[in-house]
Amino acid sequence: MFSDGPFVESKEYLAGVWVWEAPDLDAALTLAAEASKICDRKIEVRPFR
């Protein structure tokens, strides 16, 4: 059995990744809200350690 990977049959897709350094969660959410308006897409914020 051959497969192209785990994401072929997924209903979601990853359009890109942005990594920002922000002092706290509120600042990160503000950056994400502004970027969401500019690129006209939903943005998910996750901590990165």
PDB file of N, CA and C in Angstrom:
ATOM      1  N   MET A   1       0.838  -1.177   0.000  1.00  0.00           N
ATOM      2  CA  MET A   1       0.000   0.000   0.000  1.00  0.00           C
ATOM      3  C   MET A   1       0.883   1.240   0.000  1.00  0.00           C
ATOM      4  N   PHE A   2       0.597   2.186  -0.878  1.00  0.00           N
ATOM      5  CA  PHE A   2       1.351   3.426  -0.969  1.00  0.00           C
ATOM      6  C   PHE A   2       0.480   4.591  -0.520  1.00  0.00           C
ATOM      7  N   SER A   3       1.116   5.587   0.069  1.00  0.00           N
ATOM      8  CA  SER A   3       0.384   6.766   0.545  1.00  0.00           C
ATOM      9  C   SER A   3       1.237   8.012   0.316  1.00  0.00           C
ATOM     10  N   ASP A   4       0.579   9.134   0.041  1.00  0.00           N
ATOM     11  CA  ASP A   4       1.288  10.401  -0.142  1.00  0.00           C
ATOM     12  C   ASP A   4       1.549  11.112   1.180  1.00  0.00           C
ATOM     13  N   GLY A   5       1.071  10.587   2.265  1.00  0.00           N
ATOM     14  CA  GLY A   5       1.295  11.216   3.560  1.00  0.00           C
ATOM     15  C   GLY A   5      -0.002  11.355   4.330  1.00  0.00           C
ATOM     16  N   PRO A   6       0.098  11.815   5.563  1.00  0.00           N
ATOM     17  CA  PRO A   6      -1.088  11.876   6.420  1.00  0.00           C
ATOM     18  C   PRO A   6      -2.043  13.025   6.084  1.00  0.00           C
ATOM     19  N   PHE A   7      -1.654  13.948   5.215  1.00  0.00           N
ATOM     20  CA  PHE A   7      -2.460  15.140   4.990  1.00  0.00           C
ATOM     21  C   PHE A   7      -3.260  15.114   3.693  1.00  0.00           C
ATOM     22  N   VAL A   8      -3.156  14.072   2.913  1.00  0.00           N
ATOM     23  CA  VAL A   8      -3.811  14.031   1.613  1.00  0.00           C
ATOM     24  C   VAL A   8      -5.332  14.068   1.744  1.00  0.00           C
ATOM     25  N   GLU A   9      -5.880  13.380   2.718  1.00  0.00           N
ATOM     26  CA  GLU A   9      -7.327  13.299   2.861  1.00  0.00           C
ATOM     27  C   GLU A   9      -7.867  14.262   3.905  1.00  0.00           C
ATOM     28  N   SER A  10      -7.064  15.197   4.336  1.00  0.00           N
ATOM     29  CA  SER A  10      -7.468  16.145   5.373  1.00  0.00           C
ATOM     30  C   SER A  10      -8.376  17.221   4.790  1.00  0.00           C
ATOM     31  N   LYS A  11      -9.321  17.693   5.593  1.00  0.00           N
ATOM     32  CA  LYS A  11     -10.202  18.777   5.171  1.00  0.00           C
ATOM     33  C   LYS A  11      -9.573  20.137   5.457  1.00  0.00           C
ATOM     34  N   GLU A  12      -8.534  20.160   6.277  1.00  0.00           N
ATOM     35  CA  GLU A  12      -7.833  21.398   6.599  1.00  0.00           C
ATOM     36  C   GLU A  12      -6.487  21.422   5.878  1.00  0.00           C
ATOM     37  N   TYR A  13      -5.941  22.604   5.743  1.00  0.00           N
ATOM     38  CA  TYR A  13      -4.631  22.708   5.122  1.00  0.00           C
ATOM     39  C   TYR A  13      -3.820  23.774   5.847  1.00  0.00           C
ATOM     40  N   LEU A  14      -2.534  23.673   5.716  1.00  0.00           N
ATOM     41  CA  LEU A  14      -1.616  24.627   6.317  1.00  0.00           C
ATOM     42  C   LEU A  14      -1.128  25.560   5.221  1.00  0.00           C
ATOM     43  N   ALA A  15      -1.467  26.838   5.329  1.00  0.00           N
ATOM     44  CA  ALA A  15      -1.107  27.789   4.292  1.00  0.00           C
ATOM     45  C   ALA A  15       0.256  28.413   4.539  1.00  0.00           C
ATOM     46  N   GLY A  16       0.727  28.396   5.768  1.00  0.00           N
ATOM     47  CA  GLY A  16       2.020  28.977   6.076  1.00  0.00           C
ATOM     48  C   GLY A  16       2.198  29.099   7.569  1.00  0.00           C
ATOM     49  N   VAL A  17       3.388  29.429   7.969  1.00  0.00           N
ATOM     50  CA  VAL A  17       3.704  29.565   9.383  1.00  0.00           C
ATOM     51  C   VAL A  17       4.447  30.877   9.593  1.00  0.00           C
ATOM     52  N   TRP A  18       4.005  31.638  10.566  1.00  0.00           N
ATOM     53  CA  TRP A  18       4.704  32.854  10.977  1.00  0.00           C
ATOM     54  C   TRP A  18       5.185  32.638  12.397  1.00  0.00           C
ATOM     55  N   VAL A  19       6.404  33.025  12.679  1.00  0.00           N
ATOM     56  CA  VAL A  19       6.938  32.944  14.034  1.00  0.00           C
ATOM     57  C   VAL A  19       7.250  34.365  14.473  1.00  0.00           C
ATOM     58  N   TRP A  20       6.556  34.814  15.514  1.00  0.00           N
ATOM     59  CA  TRP A  20       6.760  36.152  16.060  1.00  0.00           C
ATOM     60  C   TRP A  20       7.280  36.040  17.477  1.00  0.00           C
ATOM     61  N   GLU A  21       8.103  36.977  17.855  1.00  0.00           N
ATOM     62  CA  GLU A  21       8.523  37.077  19.245  1.00  0.00           C
ATOM     63  C   GLU A  21       7.733  38.218  19.870  1.00  0.00           C
ATOM     64  N   ALA A  22       6.945  37.899  20.871  1.00  0.00           N
ATOM     65  CA  ALA A  22       6.099  38.891  21.536  1.00  0.00           C
ATOM     66  C   ALA A  22       6.320  38.798  23.042  1.00  0.00           C
ATOM     67  N   PRO A  23       6.199  39.925  23.737  1.00  0.00           N
ATOM     68  CA  PRO A  23       6.447  39.910  25.183  1.00  0.00           C
ATOM     69  C   PRO A  23       5.403  39.131  25.982  1.00  0.00           C
ATOM     70  N   ASP A  24       4.170  39.054  25.482  1.00  0.00           N
ATOM     71  CA  ASP A  24       3.123  38.320  26.198  1.00  0.00           C
ATOM     72  C   ASP A  24       2.019  37.919  25.225  1.00  0.00           C
ATOM     73  N   LEU A  25       1.044  37.176  25.732  1.00  0.00           N
ATOM     74  CA  LEU A  25      -0.047  36.673  24.887  1.00  0.00           C
ATOM     75  C   LEU A  25      -0.888  37.799  24.309  1.00  0.00           C
ATOM     76  N   ASP A  26      -1.118  38.850  25.073  1.00  0.00           N
ATOM     77  CA  ASP A  26      -1.928  39.968  24.568  1.00  0.00           C
ATOM     78  C   ASP A  26      -1.270  40.629  23.359  1.00  0.00           C
ATOM     79  N   ALA A  27       0.026  40.800  23.407  1.00  0.00           N
ATOM     80  CA  ALA A  27       0.750  41.388  22.272  1.00  0.00           C
ATOM     81  C   ALA A  27       0.686  40.463  21.061  1.00  0.00           C
ATOM     82  N   ALA A  28       0.819  39.153  21.287  1.00  0.00           N
ATOM     83  CA  ALA A  28       0.743  38.191  20.183  1.00  0.00           C
ATOM     84  C   ALA A  28      -0.648  38.198  19.547  1.00  0.00           C
ATOM     85  N   LEU A  29      -1.687  38.299  20.370  1.00  0.00           N
ATOM     86  CA  LEU A  29      -3.049  38.348  19.837  1.00  0.00           C
ATOM     87  C   LEU A  29      -3.306  39.626  19.051  1.00  0.00           C
ATOM     88  N   THR A  30      -2.735  40.728  19.491  1.00  0.00           N
ATOM     89  CA  THR A  30      -2.850  41.991  18.754  1.00  0.00           C
ATOM     90  C   THR A  30      -2.179  41.879  17.389  1.00  0.00           C
ATOM     91  N   LEU A  31      -0.974  41.305  17.362  1.00  0.00           N
ATOM     92  CA  LEU A  31      -0.276  41.097  16.087  1.00  0.00           C
ATOM     93  C   LEU A  31      -1.086  40.189  15.163  1.00  0.00           C
ATOM     94  N   ALA A  32      -1.643  39.123  15.720  1.00  0.00           N
ATOM     95  CA  ALA A  32      -2.424  38.188  14.908  1.00  0.00           C
ATOM     96  C   ALA A  32      -3.692  38.836  14.362  1.00  0.00           C
ATOM     97  N   ALA A  33      -4.338  39.667  15.155  1.00  0.00           N
ATOM     98  CA  ALA A  33      -5.553  40.346  14.694  1.00  0.00           C
ATOM     99  C   ALA A  33      -5.252  41.287  13.535  1.00  0.00           C
ATOM    100  N   GLU A  34      -4.150  42.023  13.640  1.00  0.00           N
ATOM    101  CA  GLU A  34      -3.766  42.934  12.549  1.00  0.00           C
ATOM    102  C   GLU A  34      -3.390  42.154  11.296  1.00  0.00           C
ATOM    103  N   ALA A  35      -2.633  41.074  11.458  1.00  0.00           N
ATOM    104  CA  ALA A  35      -2.228  40.266  10.307  1.00  0.00           C
ATOM    105  C   ALA A  35      -3.427  39.591   9.657  1.00  0.00           C
ATOM    106  N   SER A  36      -4.395  39.190  10.463  1.00  0.00           N
ATOM    107  CA  SER A  36      -5.596  38.554   9.938  1.00  0.00           C
ATOM    108  C   SER A  36      -6.380  39.506   9.039  1.00  0.00           C
ATOM    109  N   LYS A  37      -6.450  40.762   9.437  1.00  0.00           N
ATOM    110  CA  LYS A  37      -7.137  41.765   8.607  1.00  0.00           C
ATOM    111  C   LYS A  37      -6.401  41.987   7.299  1.00  0.00           C
ATOM    112  N   ILE A  38      -5.073  42.019   7.356  1.00  0.00           N
ATOM    113  CA  ILE A  38      -4.271  42.301   6.164  1.00  0.00           C
ATOM    114  C   ILE A  38      -4.331  41.161   5.152  1.00  0.00           C
ATOM    115  N   CYS A  39      -4.189  39.918   5.637  1.00  0.00           N
ATOM    116  CA  CYS A  39      -4.164  38.785   4.701  1.00  0.00           C
ATOM    117  C   CYS A  39      -5.548  38.185   4.468  1.00  0.00           C
ATOM    118  N   ASP A  40      -6.569  38.679   5.174  1.00  0.00           N
ATOM    119  CA  ASP A  40      -7.952  38.233   5.013  1.00  0.00           C
ATOM    120  C   ASP A  40      -8.102  36.728   5.248  1.00  0.00           C
ATOM    121  N   ARG A  41      -7.427  36.239   6.288  1.00  0.00           N
ATOM    122  CA  ARG A  41      -7.497  34.833   6.670  1.00  0.00           C
ATOM    123  C   ARG A  41      -7.554  34.720   8.189  1.00  0.00           C
ATOM    124  N   LYS A  42      -8.043  33.597   8.674  1.00  0.00           N
ATOM    125  CA  LYS A  42      -8.018  33.330  10.104  1.00  0.00           C
ATOM    126  C   LYS A  42      -6.601  32.935  10.503  1.00  0.00           C
ATOM    127  N   ILE A  43      -6.191  33.359  11.685  1.00  0.00           N
ATOM    128  CA  ILE A  43      -4.850  33.050  12.176  1.00  0.00           C
ATOM    129  C   ILE A  43      -4.984  32.396  13.542  1.00  0.00           C
ATOM    130  N   GLU A  44      -4.282  31.311  13.729  1.00  0.00           N
ATOM    131  CA  GLU A  44      -4.272  30.599  15.001  1.00  0.00           C
ATOM    132  C   GLU A  44      -2.993  30.954  15.752  1.00  0.00           C
ATOM    133  N   VAL A  45      -3.125  31.286  17.021  1.00  0.00           N
ATOM    134  CA  VAL A  45      -1.969  31.661  17.841  1.00  0.00           C
ATOM    135  C   VAL A  45      -1.652  30.508  18.773  1.00  0.00           C
ATOM    136  N   ARG A  46      -0.394  30.068  18.748  1.00  0.00           N
ATOM    137  CA  ARG A  46       0.066  29.001  19.643  1.00  0.00           C
ATOM    138  C   ARG A  46       1.405  29.411  20.249  1.00  0.00           C
ATOM    139  N   PRO A  47       1.625  29.047  21.506  1.00  0.00           N
ATOM    140  CA  PRO A  47       2.933  29.330  22.104  1.00  0.00           C
ATOM    141  C   PRO A  47       4.007  28.424  21.493  1.00  0.00           C
ATOM    142  N   PHE A  48       5.183  28.952  21.361  1.00  0.00           N
ATOM    143  CA  PHE A  48       6.317  28.217  20.800  1.00  0.00           C
ATOM    144  C   PHE A  48       7.472  28.355  21.753  1.00  0.00           C
ATOM    145  N   ARG A  49       7.964  27.254  22.236  1.00  0.00           N
ATOM    146  CA  ARG A  49       9.054  27.310  23.227  1.00  0.00           C
ATOM    147  C   ARG A  49      10.281  26.653  22.736  1.00  0.00           C
TER     148      ARG A  49
END
